[in-house]
């Protein structure tokens, strides 16, 4: 007789919390784009504000050019795991948009500097850290990935557990 009972699946609210916690704990997101017959994937450092993801990238990079032209992109964030039971992450599809200076960009930049304080080492201590400084130093622009669809995966819940998260 089997005495172990299977736990009920997470509620929609619990799924959202699990996804948000995993997202907050990680640093890199893999963006995937495709145009014509070529697919491309690129890892980026990101910061999230809720289910909005912000990252810096070269406007000439393949993933940015393809995402802006096709108006679609996919992204994945996964925790490091050493066994199949530890596989957990999020899979998303959505859109990438460049951000212009403004309150949203300011909040994202501040969050980015908190999450990745080492980025300050690339600038003079007297320099104002704003979008212009990043653009000048690294030839990058700030972008937002906005998922339209997000799935949370977690093999610790059950093998190949995958559920849609309400956004």
Protein backbone atom coordinates (compact mmCIF):
# COMPACT_ATOMS: atom_id res chain seq x y z
CA UNK A 1 0.00 0.00 0.00
CA UNK A 2 1.35 3.39 -0.97
CA UNK A 3 1.14 5.82 1.95
CA UNK A 4 2.53 8.82 0.12
CA UNK A 5 -0.17 11.15 -1.09
CA UNK A 6 0.35 13.37 -4.07
CA UNK A 7 0.13 17.05 -3.17
CA UNK A 8 -2.49 19.09 -4.99
CA UNK A 9 -1.11 21.27 -7.78
CA UNK A 10 -0.33 24.89 -6.89
CA UNK A 11 -3.18 27.38 -7.09
CA UNK A 12 -2.95 30.22 -9.65
CA UNK A 13 -1.76 32.56 -6.88
CA UNK A 14 0.86 30.05 -5.70
CA UNK A 15 2.04 29.56 -9.30
CA UNK A 16 2.51 33.30 -9.66
CA UNK A 17 4.53 33.45 -6.43
CA UNK A 18 6.68 30.46 -7.45
CA UNK A 19 7.38 32.06 -10.83
CA UNK A 20 8.16 35.48 -9.34
CA UNK A 21 10.53 33.96 -6.76
CA UNK A 22 12.41 31.98 -9.39
CA UNK A 23 12.65 35.01 -11.68
CA UNK A 24 13.94 37.22 -8.86
CA UNK A 25 16.60 34.64 -7.87
CA UNK A 26 18.15 34.36 -11.35
CA UNK A 27 20.35 36.74 -13.33
CA UNK A 28 20.26 35.64 -16.95
CA UNK A 29 17.43 35.21 -19.39
CA UNK A 30 17.79 33.57 -22.79
CA UNK A 31 15.98 35.46 -25.52
CA UNK A 32 14.98 33.60 -28.67
CA UNK A 33 14.05 35.21 -31.96
CA UNK A 34 13.52 34.06 -35.51
CA UNK A 35 13.30 35.75 -38.86
CA UNK A 36 12.83 33.98 -42.16
CA UNK A 37 14.62 30.63 -41.87
CA UNK A 38 17.04 31.45 -39.05
CA UNK A 39 16.46 31.15 -35.32
CA UNK A 40 18.71 32.81 -32.75
CA UNK A 41 19.17 32.70 -28.97
CA UNK A 42 21.02 35.23 -26.82
CA UNK A 43 21.59 35.34 -23.05
CA UNK A 44 21.16 38.70 -21.33
CA UNK A 45 21.40 39.98 -17.77
CA UNK A 46 17.96 41.18 -16.74
CA UNK A 47 16.10 42.82 -13.94
CA UNK A 48 12.39 42.39 -13.46
CA UNK A 49 9.68 44.61 -12.09
CA UNK A 50 6.82 42.18 -11.70
CA UNK A 51 6.47 40.31 -14.97
CA UNK A 52 8.25 43.01 -16.98
CA UNK A 53 11.87 42.27 -17.85
CA UNK A 54 14.50 44.92 -18.57
CA UNK A 55 17.89 44.40 -20.17
CA UNK A 56 20.59 46.29 -22.05
CA UNK A 57 21.55 45.23 -25.54
CA UNK A 58 23.26 46.55 -28.64
CA UNK A 59 20.59 47.90 -31.01
CA UNK A 60 22.49 46.25 -33.89
CA UNK A 61 22.48 42.78 -32.29
CA UNK A 62 20.71 39.98 -34.11
CA UNK A 63 18.17 39.28 -31.37
CA UNK A 64 17.13 42.95 -31.18
CA UNK A 65 16.88 43.41 -34.94
CA UNK A 66 14.83 40.23 -35.32
CA UNK A 67 12.56 40.93 -32.34
CA UNK A 68 11.75 44.44 -33.51
CA UNK A 69 11.16 43.39 -37.11
CA UNK A 70 9.07 40.29 -36.33
CA UNK A 71 7.39 41.91 -33.30
CA UNK A 72 7.76 38.69 -31.34
CA UNK A 73 10.29 36.97 -29.12
CA UNK A 74 10.51 34.13 -26.64
CA UNK A 75 12.44 33.96 -23.39
CA UNK A 76 13.44 31.33 -20.86
CA UNK A 77 14.79 31.60 -17.34
CA UNK A 78 15.90 28.47 -15.50
CA UNK A 79 17.43 27.76 -12.12
CA UNK A 80 20.64 25.78 -12.01
CA UNK A 81 19.91 22.10 -11.35
CA UNK A 82 22.02 18.96 -11.21
CA UNK A 83 19.23 16.36 -11.48
CA UNK A 84 16.05 16.14 -13.52
CA UNK A 85 14.01 16.68 -10.33
CA UNK A 86 15.62 20.12 -9.93
CA UNK A 87 14.58 21.43 -13.36
CA UNK A 88 12.43 24.50 -12.85
CA UNK A 89 12.00 27.67 -14.81
CA UNK A 90 9.75 29.85 -16.89
CA UNK A 91 9.07 29.84 -20.61
CA UNK A 92 7.60 32.97 -22.16
CA UNK A 93 6.52 34.46 -25.44
CA UNK A 94 6.01 38.15 -25.92
CA UNK A 95 7.40 41.38 -27.32
CA UNK A 96 10.57 43.43 -26.99
CA UNK A 97 10.42 47.23 -27.06
CA UNK A 98 13.13 49.88 -26.64
CA UNK A 99 12.63 52.22 -23.70
CA UNK A 100 13.01 55.96 -23.91
CA UNK A 101 14.05 58.07 -20.93
CA UNK A 102 11.19 58.40 -18.46
CA UNK A 103 9.91 57.05 -15.15
CA UNK A 104 9.72 53.42 -16.28
CA UNK A 105 13.29 53.53 -17.59
CA UNK A 106 14.48 55.24 -14.40
CA UNK A 107 12.87 52.57 -12.19
CA UNK A 108 14.33 49.81 -14.37
CA UNK A 109 17.82 51.36 -14.33
CA UNK A 110 17.77 51.77 -10.54
CA UNK A 111 16.66 48.16 -10.12
CA UNK A 112 19.36 47.03 -12.56
CA UNK A 113 22.09 48.86 -10.62
CA UNK A 114 20.85 47.31 -7.35
CA UNK A 115 20.84 43.81 -8.83
CA UNK A 116 24.16 44.23 -10.66
CA UNK A 117 26.20 46.67 -8.55
CA UNK A 118 29.41 45.67 -10.38
CA UNK A 119 28.22 47.69 -13.39
CA UNK A 120 29.14 50.84 -11.46
CA UNK A 121 32.81 49.79 -11.70
CA UNK A 122 32.78 50.67 -15.42
CA UNK A 123 32.04 54.32 -14.70
CA UNK A 124 33.88 57.18 -13.04
CA UNK A 125 32.57 57.69 -9.49
CA UNK A 126 31.56 61.25 -10.33
CA UNK A 127 29.65 60.26 -13.46
CA UNK A 128 25.86 60.36 -13.45
CA UNK A 129 24.54 56.86 -14.19
CA UNK A 130 21.65 57.24 -16.60
CA UNK A 131 20.60 55.76 -19.95
CA UNK A 132 22.90 58.15 -21.76
CA UNK A 133 25.92 57.01 -19.75
CA UNK A 134 25.18 53.34 -20.51
CA UNK A 135 24.64 54.11 -24.20
CA UNK A 136 27.91 56.03 -24.42
CA UNK A 137 30.00 53.52 -22.45
CA UNK A 138 28.67 50.26 -23.92
CA UNK A 139 26.81 51.30 -27.10
CA UNK A 140 23.64 49.71 -25.73
CA UNK A 141 20.04 50.63 -25.23
CA UNK A 142 17.55 49.63 -22.53
CA UNK A 143 14.82 47.25 -23.66
CA UNK A 144 11.72 45.75 -22.09
CA UNK A 145 10.54 42.20 -22.72
CA UNK A 146 6.83 41.99 -21.99
CA UNK A 147 5.52 38.44 -21.89
CA UNK A 148 2.09 37.79 -23.33
CA UNK A 149 2.23 34.15 -22.25
CA UNK A 150 4.20 32.66 -19.35
CA UNK A 151 4.51 29.05 -18.22
CA UNK A 152 6.08 27.89 -14.96
CA UNK A 153 7.85 24.53 -15.05
CA UNK A 154 8.89 22.58 -11.96
CA UNK A 155 9.86 18.91 -11.88
CA UNK A 156 9.96 18.98 -8.06
CA UNK A 157 6.15 19.29 -8.14
CA UNK A 158 5.80 16.41 -10.60
CA UNK A 159 7.64 15.13 -13.63
CA UNK A 160 7.19 17.62 -16.50
CA UNK A 161 4.91 19.89 -14.44
CA UNK A 162 4.12 22.93 -16.57
CA UNK A 163 1.30 25.41 -15.95
CA UNK A 164 0.29 28.75 -17.40
CA UNK A 165 0.78 31.71 -15.04
CA UNK A 166 -1.82 34.46 -15.06
CA UNK A 167 -0.21 37.77 -15.97
